[in-house]
Protein backbone atom coordinates (compact mmCIF):
# COMPACT_ATOMS: atom_id res chain seq x y z
CA MET A 1 -26.14 35.16 63.97
CA LYS A 2 -28.62 36.01 66.69
CA LEU A 3 -27.35 36.73 70.18
CA VAL A 4 -29.25 33.80 71.68
CA HIS A 5 -27.48 31.40 69.28
CA GLN A 6 -24.10 32.96 70.00
CA ILE A 7 -24.59 32.55 73.75
CA ASN A 8 -25.77 28.94 73.37
CA LEU A 9 -22.83 28.01 71.14
CA ALA A 10 -20.37 29.70 73.47
CA PHE A 11 -21.82 27.87 76.48
CA LEU A 12 -21.73 24.56 74.56
CA ALA A 13 -18.07 25.10 73.66
CA VAL A 14 -17.17 25.91 77.27
CA LEU A 15 -19.15 22.90 78.47
CA LEU A 16 -17.31 20.56 76.06
CA VAL A 17 -13.94 21.90 77.18
CA VAL A 18 -14.87 21.49 80.86
CA LEU A 19 -16.14 17.94 80.32
CA THR A 20 -13.03 16.97 78.34
CA VAL A 21 -10.65 18.36 80.96
CA SER A 22 -12.71 16.74 83.73
CA SER A 23 -12.60 13.37 81.97
CA ILE A 24 -8.81 13.51 81.61
CA ILE A 25 -8.35 14.48 85.25
CA ILE A 26 -10.76 11.77 86.45
CA HIS A 27 -8.94 9.18 84.29
CA TYR A 28 -5.57 9.85 85.91
CA VAL A 29 -7.01 10.22 89.40
CA LEU A 30 -8.80 6.86 89.15
CA LEU A 31 -5.75 5.15 87.68
CA ASP A 32 -3.48 6.46 90.43
CA HIS A 33 -6.01 5.47 93.08
CA PHE A 34 -6.40 1.89 91.81
CA MET A 35 -2.66 1.41 91.39
CA ALA A 36 -1.99 2.68 94.90
CA SER A 37 -4.74 0.43 96.28
CA GLU A 38 -3.37 -2.55 94.35
CA ALA A 39 0.13 -1.90 95.63
CA GLN A 40 -1.18 -1.75 99.21
CA ASN A 41 -3.09 -5.02 98.78
CA MET A 42 0.02 -6.70 97.31
CA GLN A 43 2.06 -5.64 100.32
CA THR A 44 -0.56 -7.13 102.63
CA LEU A 45 -0.74 -10.34 100.59
CA GLY A 46 3.04 -10.60 100.50
CA ALA A 47 3.25 -10.37 104.27
CA THR A 48 0.61 -13.11 104.66
CA MET A 49 2.32 -15.44 102.19
CA THR A 50 5.73 -14.79 103.75
CA VAL A 51 4.41 -16.01 107.12
CA SER A 52 2.91 -19.13 105.49
CA LEU A 53 6.12 -19.98 103.61
CA SER A 54 8.23 -19.45 106.72
CA GLU A 55 6.08 -21.87 108.67
CA ALA A 56 6.28 -24.41 105.80
CA ALA A 57 10.06 -24.13 105.69
CA MET A 58 10.29 -24.80 109.45
CA SER A 59 8.01 -27.85 109.20
CA THR A 60 9.98 -29.44 106.31
CA ALA A 61 13.43 -28.63 107.61
CA THR A 62 13.72 -32.11 109.30
CA THR A 63 12.05 -34.05 106.42
CA ALA A 64 14.18 -35.28 103.50
CA THR A 65 12.82 -35.11 99.99
CA PRO A 66 13.87 -37.92 97.59
CA ILE A 67 15.71 -36.83 94.47
CA GLY A 68 13.36 -36.48 91.52
CA ALA A 69 10.32 -36.46 93.71
CA THR A 70 7.77 -33.67 93.50
CA THR A 71 7.62 -31.24 96.40
CA THR A 72 4.41 -29.34 96.86
CA LEU A 73 4.54 -25.88 98.44
CA PRO A 74 1.66 -24.75 100.65
CA ALA A 75 -1.51 -24.05 98.74
CA PHE A 76 -1.62 -20.25 99.26
CA GLY A 77 -3.25 -19.60 95.87
CA ALA A 78 -6.67 -19.40 97.50
CA VAL A 79 -5.36 -16.85 99.95
CA ALA A 80 -3.88 -14.82 97.11
CA THR A 81 -7.00 -14.76 95.04
CA GLY A 82 -9.08 -13.95 98.07
CA ALA A 83 -6.98 -10.92 98.87
CA VAL A 84 -6.28 -9.48 95.44
CA ASN A 85 -7.71 -11.17 92.40
CA GLY A 86 -5.16 -11.67 89.61
CA VAL A 87 -1.87 -11.47 91.55
CA GLN A 88 0.81 -14.01 90.47
CA ALA A 89 3.46 -15.29 92.93
CA ILE A 90 7.00 -16.26 91.89
CA ILE A 91 9.48 -17.88 94.30
CA THR A 92 13.19 -17.75 93.54
CA ASP A 93 16.07 -19.22 95.44
CA LYS A 94 18.95 -17.24 96.82
CA SER A 95 20.78 -17.58 93.49
CA GLY A 96 17.89 -16.02 91.58
CA ASN A 97 16.63 -19.24 90.00
CA ILE A 98 12.85 -19.64 89.78
CA ILE A 99 11.70 -22.59 91.86
CA SER A 100 7.95 -21.87 91.69
CA GLY A 101 5.76 -19.97 89.22
CA SER A 102 6.77 -18.46 85.91
CA VAL A 103 7.54 -14.99 84.60
CA PRO A 104 4.54 -13.60 82.71
CA ASN A 105 5.24 -12.65 79.09
CA ALA A 106 1.87 -11.14 78.13
CA THR A 107 -0.20 -8.19 79.29
CA THR A 108 -2.78 -10.50 80.80
CA LEU A 109 -2.38 -13.58 82.94
CA PRO A 110 -4.63 -16.67 82.80
CA ALA A 111 -6.39 -17.51 86.01
CA GLU A 112 -4.82 -20.96 86.31
CA ASN A 113 -1.42 -19.38 86.93
CA TYR A 114 -2.50 -18.27 90.37
CA THR A 115 -5.52 -20.32 91.36
CA GLN A 116 -3.75 -23.72 91.68
CA PRO A 117 -1.17 -24.77 94.31
CA LEU A 118 2.34 -24.05 93.16
CA LYS A 119 4.53 -27.19 92.74
CA VAL A 120 8.26 -27.53 92.48
CA GLN A 121 9.26 -30.06 89.79
CA ALA A 122 12.55 -30.83 88.17
CA THR A 123 11.22 -29.83 84.76
CA GLN A 124 10.19 -26.42 86.12
CA LEU A 125 13.71 -25.74 87.18
CA GLU A 126 14.85 -26.37 83.64
CA VAL A 127 12.20 -24.09 82.10
CA ALA A 128 12.85 -21.40 84.64
CA ALA A 129 16.46 -21.24 83.70
CA VAL A 130 15.66 -19.09 80.66
CA GLN A 131 13.52 -16.65 82.60
CA PRO A 132 15.69 -14.81 85.17
CA SER A 133 16.48 -12.02 82.74
CA ASN A 134 12.75 -11.24 82.42
CA LEU A 135 12.31 -11.36 86.18
CA THR A 136 15.32 -9.07 86.60
CA ASN A 137 13.61 -6.50 84.37
CA ILE A 138 10.49 -6.73 86.53
CA TRP A 139 12.49 -6.45 89.78
CA GLU A 140 14.36 -3.41 88.50
CA GLY A 141 11.14 -1.69 87.35
CA ARG A 142 12.04 -1.67 83.63
CA ASP A 143 8.88 -3.55 82.70
CA SER A 144 6.05 -1.01 82.99
CA ARG A 145 3.35 -3.64 82.41
CA PHE A 146 3.38 -4.91 86.00
CA LEU A 147 3.14 -3.82 89.61
CA VAL A 148 5.69 -5.69 91.76
CA ALA A 149 5.98 -6.46 95.49
CA ILE A 150 9.18 -8.25 96.67
CA ASN A 151 9.38 -10.05 100.02
CA PRO A 152 12.34 -12.07 101.43
CA ILE A 153 11.48 -15.62 102.58
CA PRO A 154 13.59 -18.50 103.98
CA GLN A 155 13.53 -20.24 100.59
CA GLY A 156 14.83 -17.09 98.79
CA THR A 157 12.57 -14.34 97.46
CA LEU A 158 8.79 -14.07 97.03
CA THR A 159 7.82 -11.82 94.11
CA LEU A 160 4.18 -10.81 93.66
CA ILE A 161 3.24 -9.54 90.19
CA SER A 162 -0.01 -7.85 89.14
CA PRO A 163 -0.60 -6.78 85.52
CA ILE A 164 -1.41 -3.07 85.11
CA SER A 165 -3.63 -3.93 82.14
CA ARG A 166 -6.11 -5.55 84.52
CA ILE A 167 -6.16 -2.40 86.69
CA LYS A 168 -6.69 -0.28 83.59
CA GLU A 169 -9.62 -2.47 82.55
CA VAL A 170 -11.32 -1.86 85.89
CA GLU A 171 -10.51 1.86 85.69
CA GLN A 172 -11.79 2.10 82.11
CA ALA A 173 -15.05 0.37 83.02
CA LEU A 174 -15.64 2.76 85.92
CA LEU A 175 -14.54 5.76 83.82
CA LYS A 176 -17.08 4.88 81.13
CA GLN A 177 -19.86 4.87 83.70
CA LEU A 178 -18.68 8.20 85.12
CA LEU A 179 -18.42 9.68 81.63
CA LEU A 180 -21.96 8.52 80.90
CA VAL A 181 -23.19 10.26 84.05
CA ILE A 182 -21.15 13.38 83.21
CA CYS A 183 -22.49 13.47 79.64
CA LEU A 184 -26.06 13.14 80.84
CA GLY A 185 -25.42 15.94 83.32
CA GLY A 186 -23.85 18.02 80.55
CA ILE A 187 -26.89 17.52 78.33
CA LEU A 188 -29.19 18.55 81.17
CA MET A 189 -27.02 21.61 81.84
CA PHE A 190 -27.12 22.57 78.16
CA LEU A 191 -30.91 22.22 78.04
CA LEU A 192 -31.15 24.29 81.21
CA SER A 193 -28.87 26.91 79.64
CA LEU A 194 -31.22 27.15 76.67
CA VAL A 195 -34.09 27.96 79.01
CA ILE A 196 -32.04 30.46 81.02
CA THR A 197 -30.67 32.10 77.87
CA ARG A 198 -34.13 32.55 76.43
CA LYS A 199 -35.26 34.06 79.71
CA LEU A 200 -32.33 36.48 79.63
CA ILE A 201 -32.68 37.31 75.95
CA LYS A 202 -36.45 37.83 76.08
CA PRO A 203 -36.18 41.25 77.82
CA LEU A 204 -33.51 42.27 75.28
CA MET A 205 -35.81 41.35 72.39
CA ALA A 206 -38.63 43.32 74.01
CA LEU A 207 -36.21 46.22 74.55
CA LYS A 208 -35.31 46.07 70.87
CA GLU A 209 -38.97 46.57 69.95
CA GLU A 210 -39.22 49.57 72.30
CA LEU A 211 -36.12 51.09 70.70
CA LYS A 212 -37.80 50.75 67.32
CA LYS A 213 -40.62 52.86 68.71
CA VAL A 214 -38.09 55.47 69.80
CA LYS A 215 -36.56 55.39 66.33
CA GLY A 216 -39.99 55.95 64.83
CA ARG A 217 -40.60 58.86 67.29
CA HIS A 218 -43.52 57.09 68.92
CA TYR A 219 -42.29 58.08 72.36
CA SER A 220 -45.63 57.85 74.12
CA GLU A 221 -45.97 54.16 73.10
CA VAL A 222 -42.71 53.06 74.74
CA GLN A 223 -43.33 50.63 77.63
CA HIS A 224 -41.16 50.03 80.68
CA ILE A 225 -39.58 46.57 80.31
CA ARG A 226 -39.32 44.76 83.65
CA ALA A 227 -35.99 42.96 84.02
CA GLY A 228 -33.26 42.44 86.57
CA GLY A 229 -29.58 43.35 86.70
CA GLU A 230 -27.88 45.42 84.00
CA ILE A 231 -30.65 44.67 81.49
CA GLY A 232 -33.18 46.20 83.87
CA THR A 233 -30.95 49.27 84.26
CA VAL A 234 -30.71 49.69 80.48
CA ALA A 235 -34.46 49.18 80.10
CA GLU A 236 -35.14 51.83 82.72
CA ALA A 237 -32.73 54.20 80.97
CA VAL A 238 -34.50 53.63 77.64
CA PHE A 239 -37.87 54.31 79.23
CA GLU A 240 -36.57 57.50 80.85
CA LEU A 241 -35.04 58.53 77.52
CA ALA A 242 -38.35 58.01 75.75
CA THR A 243 -40.16 59.96 78.47
CA GLU A 244 -37.70 62.84 78.19
CA LEU A 245 -37.91 62.82 74.39
CA GLU A 246 -41.70 62.85 74.62
CA ARG A 247 -41.55 65.79 77.00
CA TYR A 248 -39.07 67.57 74.73
CA SER A 249 -41.25 66.85 71.70
CA ARG A 250 -44.28 68.32 73.44
CA ALA A 251 -42.20 71.27 74.57
CA GLN A 252 -41.06 71.87 71.00
CA LYS A 253 -44.63 71.77 69.72
CA GLN A 254 -45.73 74.03 72.54
CA PHE A 255 -42.81 76.32 71.79
CA PHE A 256 -43.79 76.72 68.16
CA GLN A 257 -47.42 77.26 69.10
CA ASN A 258 -46.50 79.88 71.68
CA ALA A 259 -43.93 81.45 69.40
CA SER A 260 -46.47 81.77 66.59
CA HIS A 261 -48.96 83.28 69.04
CA GLU A 262 -46.43 85.72 70.48
CA LEU A 263 -45.33 86.76 67.01
CA LYS A 264 -48.84 86.92 65.65
CA THR A 265 -50.09 89.37 68.31
CA PRO A 266 -47.68 92.27 67.53
CA LEU A 267 -47.90 91.55 63.81
CA MET A 268 -51.68 91.87 63.90
CA SER A 269 -51.40 95.17 65.78
CA ILE A 270 -48.85 96.49 63.31
CA SER A 271 -50.86 95.30 60.33
CA GLY A 272 -54.14 96.67 61.67
CA TYR A 273 -52.85 100.17 62.42
CA ALA A 274 -50.84 100.30 59.21
CA GLU A 275 -53.94 99.44 57.12
CA GLY A 276 -56.05 101.96 59.07
CA ILE A 277 -53.57 104.76 58.45
CA ARG A 278 -53.27 103.78 54.78
CA ASP A 279 -57.03 103.71 54.26
CA GLY A 280 -57.53 107.02 56.10
CA ILE A 281 -59.48 105.47 58.95
CA PHE A 282 -57.24 107.22 61.51
CA GLU A 283 -56.88 110.96 61.34
CA GLY A 284 -55.10 113.60 63.38
CA GLU A 285 -53.92 112.38 66.78
CA ASP A 286 -55.12 108.87 66.05
CA VAL A 287 -52.51 108.62 63.33
CA HIS A 288 -49.71 109.52 65.76
CA LYS A 289 -51.17 107.13 68.32
CA GLY A 290 -51.26 104.35 65.73
CA LEU A 291 -47.68 105.03 64.70
CA ASP A 292 -46.60 104.86 68.36
CA ILE A 293 -48.31 101.48 68.73
CA ILE A 294 -46.65 100.26 65.54
CA MET A 295 -43.23 101.30 66.90
CA SER A 296 -43.96 99.72 70.29
CA GLU A 297 -45.10 96.43 68.79
CA SER A 298 -42.13 96.45 66.42
CA ASP A 299 -39.78 96.77 69.38
CA ARG A 300 -41.63 93.99 71.18
CA LEU A 301 -41.42 91.81 68.10
CA LYS A 302 -37.72 92.55 67.82
CA ASN A 303 -37.18 91.57 71.46
CA ILE A 304 -39.02 88.28 71.01
CA VAL A 305 -37.00 87.37 67.93
CA THR A 306 -33.75 88.38 69.67
CA GLU A 307 -34.52 86.27 72.74
CA MET A 308 -35.64 83.29 70.66
CA THR A 309 -32.43 83.50 68.66
CA LEU A 310 -30.36 83.68 71.86
CA LEU A 311 -32.13 80.64 73.29
CA ALA A 312 -31.48 78.66 70.12
CA LYS A 313 -27.79 79.61 70.19
CA LEU A 314 -27.44 78.72 73.86
CA ASP A 315 -28.91 75.29 73.15
CA SER A 316 -26.85 74.50 70.06
CA GLU A 317 -23.74 76.65 69.66
CA ALA A 318 -20.65 76.11 71.82
CA ASP A 319 -18.63 79.13 70.68
CA ILE A 320 -21.31 81.61 71.79
CA PHE A 321 -20.29 80.96 75.39
CA ARG A 322 -16.86 82.35 76.44
CA PRO A 323 -16.21 81.55 80.13
CA VAL A 324 -13.83 83.69 82.21
CA GLN A 325 -13.24 84.21 85.92
CA VAL A 326 -16.01 86.45 87.25
CA CYS A 327 -16.03 88.23 90.62
CA VAL A 328 -19.41 87.75 92.31
CA GLN A 329 -19.35 91.12 94.08
CA ASP A 330 -18.54 92.99 90.86
CA ILE A 331 -21.25 91.37 88.78
CA LEU A 332 -23.90 91.78 91.51
CA THR A 333 -22.96 95.47 91.86
CA GLU A 334 -23.26 95.95 88.11
CA THR A 335 -26.64 94.20 88.14
CA ILE A 336 -27.97 96.70 90.70
CA GLU A 337 -26.57 99.66 88.74
CA ARG A 338 -28.29 98.44 85.55
CA ILE A 339 -31.64 97.76 87.22
CA ASN A 340 -31.59 100.74 89.59
CA PRO A 341 -33.67 103.12 87.37
CA LEU A 342 -36.50 100.57 87.29
CA VAL A 343 -36.20 99.97 91.05
CA VAL A 344 -36.30 103.70 91.82
CA SER A 345 -39.28 104.28 89.53
CA LYS A 346 -41.26 101.67 91.46
CA GLY A 347 -40.09 102.86 94.88
CA LEU A 348 -38.49 99.55 95.84
CA ASP A 349 -35.60 98.86 98.22
CA LEU A 350 -32.89 96.67 96.63
CA MET A 351 -29.92 95.46 98.72
CA ILE A 352 -27.10 92.89 98.53
CA VAL A 353 -26.46 90.92 101.74
CA TYR A 354 -23.24 89.00 102.46
CA PRO A 355 -23.30 86.70 105.52
CA ALA A 356 -20.67 87.37 108.19
CA GLY A 357 -17.32 85.73 107.51
CA VAL A 358 -17.94 85.28 103.78
CA ASP A 359 -15.24 86.63 101.44
CA GLN A 360 -16.90 89.18 99.17
CA ARG A 361 -14.28 88.45 96.50
CA LEU A 362 -15.87 85.11 95.61
CA ALA A 363 -15.27 84.07 92.01
CA LEU A 364 -16.84 81.67 89.53
CA ASN A 365 -16.29 80.58 85.95
CA ALA A 366 -18.85 81.99 83.52
CA ASP A 367 -19.45 84.16 80.43
CA ARG A 368 -19.67 87.53 82.13
CA ASP A 369 -22.08 89.20 79.73
CA LYS A 370 -24.40 86.18 79.60
CA LEU A 371 -24.38 85.81 83.41
CA LEU A 372 -25.17 89.52 83.79
CA GLN A 373 -28.15 89.08 81.47
CA ALA A 374 -29.37 86.08 83.48
CA LEU A 375 -29.20 88.09 86.73
CA LEU A 376 -30.93 91.08 85.14
CA ASN A 377 -33.75 88.84 83.92
CA VAL A 378 -34.29 87.39 87.41
CA VAL A 379 -34.07 90.75 89.23
CA SER A 380 -36.29 92.54 86.71
CA ASN A 381 -38.83 89.76 87.10
CA ALA A 382 -38.72 90.33 90.88
CA THR A 383 -39.38 94.08 90.41
CA ARG A 384 -42.69 93.27 88.67
CA TYR A 385 -44.11 91.49 91.71
CA ALA A 386 -42.27 92.93 94.76
CA SER A 387 -44.24 95.14 97.13
CA LYS A 388 -41.48 97.04 98.92
CA GLN A 389 -38.12 95.29 98.85
CA ILE A 390 -35.82 92.89 97.04
CA ARG A 391 -32.88 91.16 98.71
CA ILE A 392 -29.89 89.49 97.05
CA TYR A 393 -27.92 87.06 99.24
CA ALA A 394 -24.48 85.75 98.23
CA SER A 395 -22.80 82.97 100.22
CA LEU A 396 -20.39 80.02 99.99
CA ASN A 397 -21.75 76.57 100.86
CA LYS A 398 -19.74 73.37 100.39
CA GLU A 399 -17.48 74.84 97.69
CA ARG A 400 -20.46 76.23 95.78
CA ILE A 401 -21.47 79.86 95.42
CA GLU A 402 -25.15 80.42 96.12
CA ILE A 403 -26.95 83.59 94.99
CA THR A 404 -30.52 83.98 96.25
CA ILE A 405 -32.92 86.68 94.99
CA SER A 406 -36.09 87.12 97.04
CA ASP A 407 -38.96 89.61 97.05
CA ASP A 408 -41.94 90.34 99.30
CA GLY A 409 -44.60 89.98 96.65
CA ALA A 410 -47.49 87.54 96.37
CA GLY A 411 -45.26 84.65 95.36
CA ILE A 412 -45.45 82.27 92.42
CA PRO A 413 -48.80 80.59 91.63
CA ALA A 414 -48.75 76.87 92.38
CA ASP A 415 -49.81 75.95 88.84
CA VAL A 416 -47.01 78.04 87.31
CA LEU A 417 -44.17 77.06 89.67
CA PRO A 418 -43.26 73.66 88.06
CA TYR A 419 -43.01 75.31 84.62
CA LEU A 420 -41.56 78.66 85.64
CA PHE A 421 -38.34 78.27 83.62
CA HIS A 422 -40.03 76.86 80.51
CA ARG A 423 -40.36 78.95 77.39
CA PHE A 424 -43.29 81.33 77.00
CA VAL A 425 -44.46 80.76 80.57
CA LYS A 426 -45.64 84.16 81.81
CA GLY A 427 -47.08 85.52 85.00
CA THR A 428 -49.86 88.08 85.21
CA ASP A 429 -47.54 90.97 84.30
CA GLY A 430 -45.07 88.99 82.19
CA ASP A 431 -43.56 90.25 78.95
CA THR A 432 -42.38 87.62 76.43
CA GLY A 433 -42.18 84.61 78.75
CA LEU A 434 -38.60 83.93 77.63
CA GLY A 435 -36.56 85.80 80.25
CA LEU A 436 -36.38 83.07 82.91
CA ALA A 437 -35.91 80.38 80.26
CA ILE A 438 -32.88 82.30 79.02
CA SER A 439 -31.61 82.64 82.59
CA ARG A 440 -31.87 78.89 83.11
CA ALA A 441 -30.00 78.15 79.86
CA ILE A 442 -27.19 80.56 80.81
CA VAL A 443 -26.86 79.24 84.36
CA GLU A 444 -26.72 75.65 83.16
CA ARG A 445 -24.06 76.56 80.58
CA CYS A 446 -22.04 77.94 83.51
CA GLY A 447 -22.28 74.54 85.22
CA GLY A 448 -24.80 75.90 87.71
CA LEU A 449 -28.35 75.22 88.82
CA ILE A 450 -31.33 77.55 89.11
CA THR A 451 -34.47 76.81 91.18
CA ALA A 452 -37.52 78.72 92.37
CA GLU A 453 -39.85 78.42 95.34
CA ASN A 454 -42.13 80.49 97.54
CA GLY A 455 -40.64 81.88 100.73
CA GLU A 456 -41.91 80.98 104.18
CA ARG A 457 -43.04 84.58 104.74
CA GLY A 458 -44.39 85.00 101.24
CA GLY A 459 -42.79 86.22 98.05
CA ALA A 460 -40.76 84.38 95.44
CA VAL A 461 -37.26 83.03 96.07
CA VAL A 462 -35.00 82.25 93.10
CA SER A 463 -31.71 80.47 93.92
CA LEU A 464 -28.66 80.21 91.66
CA SER A 465 -25.80 77.83 92.53
CA PHE A 466 -22.37 77.71 90.86
CA PRO A 467 -19.07 75.85 91.45
CA ALA A 468 -16.69 78.21 93.24
CA LEU A 469 -13.21 79.12 92.02
CA PHE A 470 -10.40 79.23 94.58
CA ASN A 471 -7.15 81.08 93.91
């Protein structure tokens, strides 16, 4: 199933759950509200009717009623229906006998029970005699079909009864309207979610197409997908990945082109002089000269192959690198001892400088032999271009060891500087063009960083930075 469908179905499921829970909560909230409001209205109505009945009792206290005659109570039915529609009034004497009204025995009450004036007749007293048990259940709250309000009056007790079924009908009617509004809102929200989901998924679908280009190695065709949030971050990472892969692909092609050129040059020299000696073209001293060139080019060819092999191992093999604790002072001293014959032959001044207050026993974690080779490559490169002196500075800065090698030569050409540590990048007097590339690979395997720039007073400045070890 597509992601867009999964998101839409998940949102629909959550929406249905939310609407269902909301409907249940609204149902009970409305029911409680209407019942509380009805109870309050019944209390108010009861107080009004109690006052009316008390006044009626006082006015009839001095008037005798003939036996068997019909006595009419005050017509408060209109007042009742005006206050709360559907409330039934029952009057009982002090013995609990019903003298007006009747106990309801159904969930709904007909309107005539409370819209006409209540009359006291002899026959009603007889009928009411069978009803006190039902009224007792209502008084004691055992009949859950009714809301009850009880008020004492001079004649006995005034009981107001309102059927809960009528309240539920009002609540159900209002709930249906609310549910209709909620459902319409839910449908609109779902349609809106479809639009939003498509807007969110669209960059992902475009990103999928760009990843297919990466899979097919069409790195230069990968476009930067514009999106916000985490999707935008991923899209930017994919674009940067494609850019880096494109650069690496070009570097690999350039590497093979340069490697073939570097290997072809000594091979052509070797082949040419070998054929000349074989065919007798060179005689006497020329033969010895040709053999010397063959030996020299063979050594050069061997060096190129050795350095290419080392670069490949540094890039791919983990066990070729064996880190140990290395003392900075010791390895710099050994570097000078190894390079000293070349320095002396060129009449250069090479010196190590430690800033004041810096412990000369600084240590770092590295493969000692590989790090020594990296330093030799950098220093020997400096001897090719230095005029009079080379300085090596070692210092500690923010828990990192910094080694800076500077010379007083002409500096690094601006067009070469960005690619100085790439493979087969050579200066005017360069050898194989692999020395600084090897140095960079070794330094990075040590967890360090190597950079190059031109000094303010001229000359090249190569800086190496490593995490320091503290005992």
